[in-house]
PDB file of N, CA and C in Angstrom:
ATOM      1  N   UNK A   1      -1.899  -8.627 -17.733  1.00  0.00           N
ATOM      2  CA  UNK A   1      -0.575  -8.570 -17.159  1.00  0.00           C
ATOM      3  C   UNK A   1      -0.620  -9.167 -15.755  1.00  0.00           C
ATOM      4  N   UNK A   2       0.400  -9.846 -15.364  1.00  0.00           N
ATOM      5  CA  UNK A   2       0.475 -10.457 -14.051  1.00  0.00           C
ATOM      6  C   UNK A   2       0.581  -9.398 -12.965  1.00  0.00           C
ATOM      7  N   UNK A   3       0.216  -9.818 -11.785  1.00  0.00           N
ATOM      8  CA  UNK A   3       0.292  -8.950 -10.613  1.00  0.00           C
ATOM      9  C   UNK A   3       1.713  -8.962 -10.074  1.00  0.00           C
ATOM     10  N   UNK A   4       2.298  -7.796  -9.878  1.00  0.00           N
ATOM     11  CA  UNK A   4       3.666  -7.687  -9.379  1.00  0.00           C
ATOM     12  C   UNK A   4       3.666  -7.457  -7.877  1.00  0.00           C
ATOM     13  N   UNK A   5       4.672  -8.001  -7.207  1.00  0.00           N
ATOM     14  CA  UNK A   5       4.856  -7.747  -5.781  1.00  0.00           C
ATOM     15  C   UNK A   5       5.522  -6.378  -5.636  1.00  0.00           C
ATOM     16  N   UNK A   6       4.885  -5.518  -4.901  1.00  0.00           N
ATOM     17  CA  UNK A   6       5.415  -4.180  -4.698  1.00  0.00           C
ATOM     18  C   UNK A   6       6.496  -4.193  -3.620  1.00  0.00           C
ATOM     19  N   UNK A   7       7.546  -3.390  -3.780  1.00  0.00           N
ATOM     20  CA  UNK A   7       8.531  -3.259  -2.708  1.00  0.00           C
ATOM     21  C   UNK A   7       7.906  -2.494  -1.550  1.00  0.00           C
ATOM     22  N   UNK A   8       8.378  -2.749  -0.337  1.00  0.00           N
ATOM     23  CA  UNK A   8       7.755  -2.175   0.858  1.00  0.00           C
ATOM     24  C   UNK A   8       8.824  -1.749   1.856  1.00  0.00           C
ATOM     25  N   UNK A   9       8.608  -0.619   2.500  1.00  0.00           N
ATOM     26  CA  UNK A   9       9.384  -0.211   3.676  1.00  0.00           C
ATOM     27  C   UNK A   9       8.411  -0.139   4.845  1.00  0.00           C
ATOM     28  N   UNK A  10       8.822  -0.663   6.003  1.00  0.00           N
ATOM     29  CA  UNK A  10       8.015  -0.613   7.215  1.00  0.00           C
ATOM     30  C   UNK A  10       8.865   0.029   8.299  1.00  0.00           C
ATOM     31  N   UNK A  11       8.298   1.021   8.981  1.00  0.00           N
ATOM     32  CA  UNK A  11       9.039   1.622  10.080  1.00  0.00           C
ATOM     33  C   UNK A  11       8.092   2.008  11.206  1.00  0.00           C
ATOM     34  N   UNK A  12       8.668   2.151  12.400  1.00  0.00           N
ATOM     35  CA  UNK A  12       7.905   2.511  13.588  1.00  0.00           C
ATOM     36  C   UNK A  12       8.450   3.810  14.145  1.00  0.00           C
ATOM     37  N   UNK A  13       7.570   4.698  14.536  1.00  0.00           N
ATOM     38  CA  UNK A  13       7.971   5.956  15.139  1.00  0.00           C
ATOM     39  C   UNK A  13       6.755   6.714  15.614  1.00  0.00           C
ATOM     40  N   UNK A  14       6.898   7.403  16.719  1.00  0.00           N
ATOM     41  CA  UNK A  14       5.786   8.206  17.228  1.00  0.00           C
ATOM     42  C   UNK A  14       4.583   7.376  17.611  1.00  0.00           C
ATOM     43  N   UNK A  15       4.803   6.121  18.022  1.00  0.00           N
ATOM     44  CA  UNK A  15       3.685   5.276  18.443  1.00  0.00           C
ATOM     45  C   UNK A  15       2.859   4.703  17.306  1.00  0.00           C
ATOM     46  N   UNK A  16       3.399   4.729  16.103  1.00  0.00           N
ATOM     47  CA  UNK A  16       2.657   4.154  14.986  1.00  0.00           C
ATOM     48  C   UNK A  16       3.578   3.385  14.052  1.00  0.00           C
ATOM     49  N   UNK A  17       2.963   2.497  13.304  1.00  0.00           N
ATOM     50  CA  UNK A  17       3.647   1.769  12.242  1.00  0.00           C
ATOM     51  C   UNK A  17       3.292   2.445  10.927  1.00  0.00           C
ATOM     52  N   UNK A  18       4.301   2.651  10.092  1.00  0.00           N
ATOM     53  CA  UNK A  18       4.077   3.204   8.761  1.00  0.00           C
ATOM     54  C   UNK A  18       4.563   2.200   7.732  1.00  0.00           C
ATOM     55  N   UNK A  19       3.751   1.975   6.731  1.00  0.00           N
ATOM     56  CA  UNK A  19       4.092   1.093   5.619  1.00  0.00           C
ATOM     57  C   UNK A  19       4.105   1.961   4.368  1.00  0.00           C
ATOM     58  N   UNK A  20       5.243   1.961   3.670  1.00  0.00           N
ATOM     59  CA  UNK A  20       5.404   2.794   2.479  1.00  0.00           C
ATOM     60  C   UNK A  20       5.595   1.874   1.274  1.00  0.00           C
ATOM     61  N   UNK A  21       4.749   2.078   0.259  1.00  0.00           N
ATOM     62  CA  UNK A  21       4.738   1.210  -0.915  1.00  0.00           C
ATOM     63  C   UNK A  21       4.763   2.073  -2.178  1.00  0.00           C
ATOM     64  N   UNK A  22       5.840   2.024  -2.971  1.00  0.00           N
ATOM     65  CA  UNK A  22       5.827   2.740  -4.244  1.00  0.00           C
ATOM     66  C   UNK A  22       5.022   1.936  -5.273  1.00  0.00           C
ATOM     67  N   UNK A  23       3.975   2.546  -5.793  1.00  0.00           N
ATOM     68  CA  UNK A  23       3.150   1.889  -6.809  1.00  0.00           C
ATOM     69  C   UNK A  23       2.915   2.876  -7.959  1.00  0.00           C
ATOM     70  N   UNK A  24       3.881   2.941  -8.866  1.00  0.00           N
ATOM     71  CA  UNK A  24       3.829   3.917  -9.959  1.00  0.00           C
ATOM     72  C   UNK A  24       2.540   3.788 -10.771  1.00  0.00           C
ATOM     73  N   UNK A  25       1.909   4.932 -10.992  1.00  0.00           N
ATOM     74  CA  UNK A  25       0.717   4.965 -11.819  1.00  0.00           C
ATOM     75  C   UNK A  25      -0.578   4.666 -11.096  1.00  0.00           C
ATOM     76  N   UNK A  26      -0.534   4.357  -9.810  1.00  0.00           N
ATOM     77  CA  UNK A  26      -1.754   4.032  -9.070  1.00  0.00           C
ATOM     78  C   UNK A  26      -2.536   5.298  -8.733  1.00  0.00           C
ATOM     79  N   UNK A  27      -3.846   5.155  -8.697  1.00  0.00           N
ATOM     80  CA  UNK A  27      -4.748   6.226  -8.283  1.00  0.00           C
ATOM     81  C   UNK A  27      -5.593   5.704  -7.127  1.00  0.00           C
ATOM     82  N   UNK A  28      -6.035   6.597  -6.268  1.00  0.00           N
ATOM     83  CA  UNK A  28      -6.774   6.214  -5.068  1.00  0.00           C
ATOM     84  C   UNK A  28      -7.991   5.356  -5.393  1.00  0.00           C
ATOM     85  N   UNK A  29      -8.704   5.676  -6.450  1.00  0.00           N
ATOM     86  CA  UNK A  29      -9.929   4.931  -6.768  1.00  0.00           C
ATOM     87  C   UNK A  29      -9.656   3.507  -7.258  1.00  0.00           C
ATOM     88  N   UNK A  30      -8.409   3.189  -7.535  1.00  0.00           N
ATOM     89  CA  UNK A  30      -8.037   1.853  -7.996  1.00  0.00           C
ATOM     90  C   UNK A  30      -7.110   1.157  -7.003  1.00  0.00           C
ATOM     91  N   UNK A  31      -7.115   1.640  -5.757  1.00  0.00           N
ATOM     92  CA  UNK A  31      -6.252   1.084  -4.720  1.00  0.00           C
ATOM     93  C   UNK A  31      -7.098   0.585  -3.564  1.00  0.00           C
ATOM     94  N   UNK A  32      -6.842  -0.649  -3.141  1.00  0.00           N
ATOM     95  CA  UNK A  32      -7.574  -1.267  -2.026  1.00  0.00           C
ATOM     96  C   UNK A  32      -6.565  -1.591  -0.927  1.00  0.00           C
ATOM     97  N   UNK A  33      -6.886  -1.161   0.294  1.00  0.00           N
ATOM     98  CA  UNK A  33      -6.016  -1.387   1.450  1.00  0.00           C
ATOM     99  C   UNK A  33      -6.844  -2.041   2.546  1.00  0.00           C
ATOM    100  N   UNK A  34      -6.316  -3.097   3.125  1.00  0.00           N
ATOM    101  CA  UNK A  34      -6.953  -3.740   4.275  1.00  0.00           C
ATOM    102  C   UNK A  34      -5.942  -3.734   5.412  1.00  0.00           C
ATOM    103  N   UNK A  35      -6.355  -3.171   6.551  1.00  0.00           N
ATOM    104  CA  UNK A  35      -5.497  -3.121   7.727  1.00  0.00           C
ATOM    105  C   UNK A  35      -6.068  -4.060   8.773  1.00  0.00           C
ATOM    106  N   UNK A  36      -5.253  -5.016   9.189  1.00  0.00           N
ATOM    107  CA  UNK A  36      -5.596  -5.949  10.248  1.00  0.00           C
ATOM    108  C   UNK A  36      -4.586  -5.737  11.376  1.00  0.00           C
ATOM    109  N   UNK A  37      -4.838  -6.301  12.552  1.00  0.00           N
ATOM    110  CA  UNK A  37      -3.933  -6.059  13.674  1.00  0.00           C
ATOM    111  C   UNK A  37      -2.477  -6.446  13.419  1.00  0.00           C
ATOM    112  N   UNK A  38      -2.215  -7.434  12.586  1.00  0.00           N
ATOM    113  CA  UNK A  38      -0.829  -7.852  12.351  1.00  0.00           C
ATOM    114  C   UNK A  38      -0.456  -7.892  10.870  1.00  0.00           C
ATOM    115  N   UNK A  39      -1.297  -7.308  10.003  1.00  0.00           N
ATOM    116  CA  UNK A  39      -1.018  -7.366   8.565  1.00  0.00           C
ATOM    117  C   UNK A  39      -1.696  -6.212   7.840  1.00  0.00           C
ATOM    118  N   UNK A  40      -1.009  -5.727   6.817  1.00  0.00           N
ATOM    119  CA  UNK A  40      -1.595  -4.755   5.894  1.00  0.00           C
ATOM    120  C   UNK A  40      -1.479  -5.340   4.495  1.00  0.00           C
ATOM    121  N   UNK A  41      -2.590  -5.310   3.762  1.00  0.00           N
ATOM    122  CA  UNK A  41      -2.626  -5.826   2.397  1.00  0.00           C
ATOM    123  C   UNK A  41      -2.985  -4.681   1.449  1.00  0.00           C
ATOM    124  N   UNK A  42      -2.236  -4.579   0.359  1.00  0.00           N
ATOM    125  CA  UNK A  42      -2.459  -3.531  -0.636  1.00  0.00           C
ATOM    126  C   UNK A  42      -2.618  -4.180  -2.005  1.00  0.00           C
ATOM    127  N   UNK A  43      -3.656  -3.775  -2.717  1.00  0.00           N
ATOM    128  CA  UNK A  43      -3.855  -4.149  -4.112  1.00  0.00           C
ATOM    129  C   UNK A  43      -4.115  -2.876  -4.891  1.00  0.00           C
ATOM    130  N   UNK A  44      -3.416  -2.703  -5.992  1.00  0.00           N
ATOM    131  CA  UNK A  44      -3.583  -1.495  -6.804  1.00  0.00           C
ATOM    132  C   UNK A  44      -3.547  -1.861  -8.275  1.00  0.00           C
ATOM    133  N   UNK A  45      -4.310  -1.122  -9.044  1.00  0.00           N
ATOM    134  CA  UNK A  45      -4.356  -1.310 -10.489  1.00  0.00           C
ATOM    135  C   UNK A  45      -3.944  -0.001 -11.144  1.00  0.00           C
ATOM    136  N   UNK A  46      -2.894  -0.039 -11.926  1.00  0.00           N
ATOM    137  CA  UNK A  46      -2.400   1.138 -12.622  1.00  0.00           C
ATOM    138  C   UNK A  46      -2.968   1.117 -14.034  1.00  0.00           C
ATOM    139  N   UNK A  47      -3.590   2.206 -14.442  1.00  0.00           N
ATOM    140  CA  UNK A  47      -4.415   2.205 -15.635  1.00  0.00           C
ATOM    141  C   UNK A  47      -3.902   3.009 -16.820  1.00  0.00           C
ATOM    142  N   UNK A  48      -2.632   3.329 -16.884  1.00  0.00           N
ATOM    143  CA  UNK A  48      -2.239   4.230 -17.974  1.00  0.00           C
ATOM    144  C   UNK A  48      -1.117   3.706 -18.855  1.00  0.00           C
ATOM    145  N   UNK A  49      -1.044   2.448 -19.068  1.00  0.00           N
ATOM    146  CA  UNK A  49       0.009   1.913 -19.927  1.00  0.00           C
ATOM    147  C   UNK A  49      -0.038   2.570 -21.305  1.00  0.00           C
ATOM    148  N   UNK A  50       1.108   2.939 -21.778  1.00  0.00           N
ATOM    149  CA  UNK A  50       1.210   3.624 -23.065  1.00  0.00           C
ATOM    150  C   UNK A  50       1.614   2.621 -24.139  1.00  0.00           C
ATOM    151  N   UNK A  51       0.629   1.894 -24.642  1.00  0.00           N
ATOM    152  CA  UNK A  51       0.899   0.828 -25.600  1.00  0.00           C
ATOM    153  C   UNK A  51       1.423   1.361 -26.927  1.00  0.00           C
ATOM    154  N   UNK A  52       1.145   2.615 -27.234  1.00  0.00           N
ATOM    155  CA  UNK A  52       1.596   3.172 -28.507  1.00  0.00           C
ATOM    156  C   UNK A  52       3.048   3.630 -28.448  1.00  0.00           C
ATOM    157  N   UNK A  53       3.626   3.627 -27.259  1.00  0.00           N
ATOM    158  CA  UNK A  53       5.002   4.078 -27.102  1.00  0.00           C
ATOM    159  C   UNK A  53       5.971   2.925 -27.318  1.00  0.00           C
ATOM    160  N   UNK A  54       7.120   3.249 -27.848  1.00  0.00           N
ATOM    161  CA  UNK A  54       8.194   2.274 -27.950  1.00  0.00           C
ATOM    162  C   UNK A  54       9.127   2.513 -26.777  1.00  0.00           C
ATOM    163  N   UNK A  55       9.097   1.601 -25.808  1.00  0.00           N
ATOM    164  CA  UNK A  55       9.932   1.761 -24.621  1.00  0.00           C
ATOM    165  C   UNK A  55      11.401   1.574 -24.977  1.00  0.00           C
ATOM    166  N   UNK A  56      12.238   2.484 -24.540  1.00  0.00           N
ATOM    167  CA  UNK A  56      13.674   2.365 -24.698  1.00  0.00           C
ATOM    168  C   UNK A  56      14.290   1.746 -23.443  1.00  0.00           C
ATOM    169  N   UNK A  57      13.605   1.926 -22.320  1.00  0.00           N
ATOM    170  CA  UNK A  57      13.963   1.271 -21.066  1.00  0.00           C
ATOM    171  C   UNK A  57      12.692   1.211 -20.231  1.00  0.00           C
ATOM    172  N   UNK A  58      12.469   0.069 -19.597  1.00  0.00           N
ATOM    173  CA  UNK A  58      11.251  -0.103 -18.802  1.00  0.00           C
ATOM    174  C   UNK A  58      11.609  -0.885 -17.548  1.00  0.00           C
ATOM    175  N   UNK A  59      11.799  -0.178 -16.428  1.00  0.00           N
ATOM    176  CA  UNK A  59      12.211  -0.800 -15.180  1.00  0.00           C
ATOM    177  C   UNK A  59      11.046  -1.140 -14.267  1.00  0.00           C
ATOM    178  N   UNK A  60       9.896  -0.530 -14.429  1.00  0.00           N
ATOM    179  CA  UNK A  60       8.748  -0.853 -13.594  1.00  0.00           C
ATOM    180  C   UNK A  60       7.538  -1.069 -14.472  1.00  0.00           C
ATOM    181  N   UNK A  61       6.669  -1.880 -13.953  1.00  0.00           N
ATOM    182  CA  UNK A  61       5.517  -2.272 -14.756  1.00  0.00           C
ATOM    183  C   UNK A  61       4.320  -1.373 -14.515  1.00  0.00           C
ATOM    184  N   UNK A  62       3.437  -1.370 -15.459  1.00  0.00           N
ATOM    185  CA  UNK A  62       2.128  -0.775 -15.316  1.00  0.00           C
ATOM    186  C   UNK A  62       1.160  -1.937 -15.307  1.00  0.00           C
ATOM    187  N   UNK A  63       0.257  -1.946 -14.375  1.00  0.00           N
ATOM    188  CA  UNK A  63      -0.694  -3.045 -14.254  1.00  0.00           C
ATOM    189  C   UNK A  63      -1.088  -3.232 -12.812  1.00  0.00           C
ATOM    190  N   UNK A  64      -1.102  -4.460 -12.350  1.00  0.00           N
ATOM    191  CA  UNK A  64      -1.538  -4.770 -10.995  1.00  0.00           C
ATOM    192  C   UNK A  64      -0.357  -4.904 -10.041  1.00  0.00           C
ATOM    193  N   UNK A  65      -0.509  -4.302  -8.857  1.00  0.00           N
ATOM    194  CA  UNK A  65       0.490  -4.375  -7.796  1.00  0.00           C
ATOM    195  C   UNK A  65      -0.150  -4.999  -6.573  1.00  0.00           C
ATOM    196  N   UNK A  66       0.652  -5.731  -5.814  1.00  0.00           N
ATOM    197  CA  UNK A  66       0.151  -6.375  -4.594  1.00  0.00           C
ATOM    198  C   UNK A  66       1.239  -6.372  -3.529  1.00  0.00           C
ATOM    199  N   UNK A  67       0.824  -6.169  -2.276  1.00  0.00           N
ATOM    200  CA  UNK A  67       1.758  -6.282  -1.155  1.00  0.00           C
ATOM    201  C   UNK A  67       1.011  -6.854   0.048  1.00  0.00           C
ATOM    202  N   UNK A  68       1.541  -7.916   0.620  1.00  0.00           N
ATOM    203  CA  UNK A  68       1.105  -8.464   1.900  1.00  0.00           C
ATOM    204  C   UNK A  68       2.211  -8.152   2.888  1.00  0.00           C
ATOM    205  N   UNK A  69       1.903  -7.359   3.892  1.00  0.00           N
ATOM    206  CA  UNK A  69       2.926  -6.920   4.833  1.00  0.00           C
ATOM    207  C   UNK A  69       2.584  -7.437   6.221  1.00  0.00           C
ATOM    208  N   UNK A  70       3.371  -8.402   6.697  1.00  0.00           N
ATOM    209  CA  UNK A  70       3.235  -8.866   8.074  1.00  0.00           C
ATOM    210  C   UNK A  70       3.912  -7.841   8.969  1.00  0.00           C
ATOM    211  N   UNK A  71       3.182  -7.362   9.965  1.00  0.00           N
ATOM    212  CA  UNK A  71       3.692  -6.307  10.828  1.00  0.00           C
ATOM    213  C   UNK A  71       4.461  -6.883  12.007  1.00  0.00           C
ATOM    214  N   UNK A  72       5.535  -6.223  12.415  1.00  0.00           N
ATOM    215  CA  UNK A  72       6.348  -6.720  13.528  1.00  0.00           C
ATOM    216  C   UNK A  72       5.696  -6.528  14.888  1.00  0.00           C
ATOM    217  N   UNK A  73       4.703  -5.629  14.961  1.00  0.00           N
ATOM    218  CA  UNK A  73       3.948  -5.393  16.191  1.00  0.00           C
ATOM    219  C   UNK A  73       2.480  -5.229  15.817  1.00  0.00           C
ATOM    220  N   UNK A  74       1.590  -5.390  16.807  1.00  0.00           N
ATOM    221  CA  UNK A  74       0.166  -5.210  16.560  1.00  0.00           C
ATOM    222  C   UNK A  74      -0.198  -3.748  16.385  1.00  0.00           C
ATOM    223  N   UNK A  75      -1.202  -3.494  15.552  1.00  0.00           N
ATOM    224  CA  UNK A  75      -1.706  -2.135  15.347  1.00  0.00           C
ATOM    225  C   UNK A  75      -3.214  -2.113  15.577  1.00  0.00           C
ATOM    226  N   UNK A  76      -3.739  -0.923  15.796  1.00  0.00           N
ATOM    227  CA  UNK A  76      -5.181  -0.719  15.909  1.00  0.00           C
ATOM    228  C   UNK A  76      -5.686  -0.307  14.527  1.00  0.00           C
ATOM    229  N   UNK A  77      -6.440  -1.185  13.843  1.00  0.00           N
ATOM    230  CA  UNK A  77      -6.859  -0.889  12.472  1.00  0.00           C
ATOM    231  C   UNK A  77      -7.862   0.257  12.337  1.00  0.00           C
ATOM    232  N   UNK A  78      -8.659   0.522  13.384  1.00  0.00           N
ATOM    233  CA  UNK A  78      -9.749   1.480  13.270  1.00  0.00           C
ATOM    234  C   UNK A  78      -9.294   2.895  12.895  1.00  0.00           C
ATOM    235  N   UNK A  79      -8.283   3.467  13.566  1.00  0.00           N
ATOM    236  CA  UNK A  79      -7.880   4.824  13.177  1.00  0.00           C
ATOM    237  C   UNK A  79      -6.816   4.869  12.069  1.00  0.00           C
ATOM    238  N   UNK A  80      -6.543   3.753  11.437  1.00  0.00           N
ATOM    239  CA  UNK A  80      -5.535   3.739  10.372  1.00  0.00           C
ATOM    240  C   UNK A  80      -5.937   4.690   9.250  1.00  0.00           C
ATOM    241  N   UNK A  81      -4.939   5.279   8.610  1.00  0.00           N
ATOM    242  CA  UNK A  81      -5.221   6.132   7.456  1.00  0.00           C
ATOM    243  C   UNK A  81      -4.136   5.951   6.404  1.00  0.00           C
ATOM    244  N   UNK A  82      -4.484   6.330   5.189  1.00  0.00           N
ATOM    245  CA  UNK A  82      -3.569   6.137   4.064  1.00  0.00           C
ATOM    246  C   UNK A  82      -3.576   7.368   3.182  1.00  0.00           C
ATOM    247  N   UNK A  83      -2.428   7.600   2.526  1.00  0.00           N
ATOM    248  CA  UNK A  83      -2.353   8.666   1.534  1.00  0.00           C
ATOM    249  C   UNK A  83      -1.557   8.138   0.339  1.00  0.00           C
ATOM    250  N   UNK A  84      -1.906   8.624  -0.824  1.00  0.00           N
ATOM    251  CA  UNK A  84      -1.237   8.232  -2.062  1.00  0.00           C
ATOM    252  C   UNK A  84      -0.846   9.509  -2.789  1.00  0.00           C
ATOM    253  N   UNK A  85       0.463   9.770  -2.829  1.00  0.00           N
ATOM    254  CA  UNK A  85       0.969  10.983  -3.468  1.00  0.00           C
ATOM    255  C   UNK A  85       2.109  10.637  -4.406  1.00  0.00           C
ATOM    256  N   UNK A  86       1.974  11.050  -5.664  1.00  0.00           N
ATOM    257  CA  UNK A  86       3.020  10.854  -6.668  1.00  0.00           C
ATOM    258  C   UNK A  86       3.462   9.389  -6.756  1.00  0.00           C
ATOM    259  N   UNK A  87       2.500   8.463  -6.650  1.00  0.00           N
ATOM    260  CA  UNK A  87       2.808   7.049  -6.802  1.00  0.00           C
ATOM    261  C   UNK A  87       3.397   6.374  -5.580  1.00  0.00           C
ATOM    262  N   UNK A  88       3.382   7.053  -4.426  1.00  0.00           N
ATOM    263  CA  UNK A  88       3.884   6.448  -3.194  1.00  0.00           C
ATOM    264  C   UNK A  88       2.738   6.385  -2.188  1.00  0.00           C
ATOM    265  N   UNK A  89       2.391   5.172  -1.798  1.00  0.00           N
ATOM    266  CA  UNK A  89       1.329   4.936  -0.822  1.00  0.00           C
ATOM    267  C   UNK A  89       1.939   4.862   0.567  1.00  0.00           C
ATOM    268  N   UNK A  90       1.344   5.581   1.521  1.00  0.00           N
ATOM    269  CA  UNK A  90       1.765   5.522   2.918  1.00  0.00           C
ATOM    270  C   UNK A  90       0.543   5.150   3.740  1.00  0.00           C
ATOM    271  N   UNK A  91       0.650   4.033   4.478  1.00  0.00           N
ATOM    272  CA  UNK A  91      -0.411   3.579   5.367  1.00  0.00           C
ATOM    273  C   UNK A  91       0.132   3.683   6.785  1.00  0.00           C
ATOM    274  N   UNK A  92      -0.621   4.348   7.675  1.00  0.00           N
ATOM    275  CA  UNK A  92      -0.179   4.522   9.058  1.00  0.00           C
ATOM    276  C   UNK A  92      -1.257   4.027  10.007  1.00  0.00           C
ATOM    277  N   UNK A  93      -0.810   3.305  11.049  1.00  0.00           N
ATOM    278  CA  UNK A  93      -1.729   2.792  12.064  1.00  0.00           C
ATOM    279  C   UNK A  93      -1.026   2.835  13.412  1.00  0.00           C
ATOM    280  N   UNK A  94      -1.759   3.207  14.468  1.00  0.00           N
ATOM    281  CA  UNK A  94      -1.134   3.263  15.789  1.00  0.00           C
ATOM    282  C   UNK A  94      -0.820   1.871  16.326  1.00  0.00           C
ATOM    283  N   UNK A  95       0.308   1.777  17.023  1.00  0.00           N
ATOM    284  CA  UNK A  95       0.712   0.518  17.646  1.00  0.00           C
ATOM    285  C   UNK A  95      -0.265   0.204  18.774  1.00  0.00           C
ATOM    286  N   UNK A  96      -0.670  -1.075  18.888  1.00  0.00           N
ATOM    287  CA  UNK A  96      -1.588  -1.505  19.933  1.00  0.00           C
ATOM    288  C   UNK A  96      -1.381  -2.981  20.214  1.00  0.00           C
ATOM    289  N   UNK A  97      -1.136  -3.324  21.467  1.00  0.00           N
ATOM    290  CA  UNK A  97      -0.990  -4.724  21.843  1.00  0.00           C
ATOM    291  C   UNK A  97      -2.330  -5.442  21.876  1.00  0.00           C
ATOM    292  N   UNK A  98      -3.399  -4.702  22.095  1.00  0.00           N
ATOM    293  CA  UNK A  98      -4.717  -5.316  22.246  1.00  0.00           C
ATOM    294  C   UNK A  98      -5.578  -5.165  21.003  1.00  0.00           C
ATOM    295  N   UNK A  99      -4.980  -4.856  19.872  1.00  0.00           N
ATOM    296  CA  UNK A  99      -5.748  -4.599  18.650  1.00  0.00           C
ATOM    297  C   UNK A  99      -6.443  -5.858  18.153  1.00  0.00           C
ATOM    298  N   UNK A 100      -7.666  -5.681  17.707  1.00  0.00           N
ATOM    299  CA  UNK A 100      -8.402  -6.777  17.074  1.00  0.00           C
ATOM    300  C   UNK A 100      -9.319  -6.163  16.034  1.00  0.00           C
ATOM    301  N   UNK A 101      -9.689  -6.923  15.053  1.00  0.00           N
ATOM    302  CA  UNK A 101     -10.586  -6.414  14.027  1.00  0.00           C
ATOM    303  C   UNK A 101      -9.875  -6.158  12.719  1.00  0.00           C
ATOM    304  N   UNK A 102     -10.589  -5.429  11.848  1.00  0.00           N
ATOM    305  CA  UNK A 102     -10.129  -5.211  10.486  1.00  0.00           C
ATOM    306  C   UNK A 102     -10.701  -3.887  10.013  1.00  0.00           C
ATOM    307  N   UNK A 103      -9.956  -3.171   9.228  1.00  0.00           N
ATOM    308  CA  UNK A 103     -10.421  -1.874   8.750  1.00  0.00           C
ATOM    309  C   UNK A 103      -9.922  -1.647   7.339  1.00  0.00           C
ATOM    310  N   UNK A 104     -10.691  -0.890   6.571  1.00  0.00           N
ATOM    311  CA  UNK A 104     -10.281  -0.473   5.237  1.00  0.00           C
ATOM    312  C   UNK A 104     -10.235   1.042   5.231  1.00  0.00           C
ATOM    313  N   UNK A 105      -9.039   1.642   5.410  1.00  0.00           N
ATOM    314  CA  UNK A 105      -8.973   3.100   5.466  1.00  0.00           C
ATOM    315  C   UNK A 105      -9.199   3.722   4.102  1.00  0.00           C
ATOM    316  N   UNK A 106      -9.805   4.892   4.076  1.00  0.00           N
ATOM    317  CA  UNK A 106      -9.942   5.594   2.796  1.00  0.00           C
ATOM    318  C   UNK A 106      -8.560   6.078   2.357  1.00  0.00           C
ATOM    319  N   UNK A 107      -8.362   6.112   1.051  1.00  0.00           N
ATOM    320  CA  UNK A 107      -7.104   6.612   0.497  1.00  0.00           C
ATOM    321  C   UNK A 107      -7.354   8.041   0.043  1.00  0.00           C
ATOM    322  N   UNK A 108      -6.502   8.930   0.489  1.00  0.00           N
ATOM    323  CA  UNK A 108      -6.681  10.339   0.075  1.00  0.00           C
ATOM    324  C   UNK A 108      -5.549  10.756  -0.827  1.00  0.00           C
TER     325      UNK A 108
END
């Protein structure tokens, strides 16, 4: 199955940038996040397609999801963290004008 572009919300508050990505069916062990000073990249593989089911309506896919998010401000990748709950990924990183480097936060 082709890789789908995931929808994304980006917001700033409390001195941090938050990126919220709904990725139905994703699990932490199949989700890769890279946080850079001006970009967050998400790749996820959803592993539970029900091929034996006859879909009566199917609005979202099961398979590979991808999101490249250009950030409106710089962030510090080192203390970034992520959580994945009920198919919604939230990545948070503190705003930083002097940020440099790259980090892969663990997904909890």
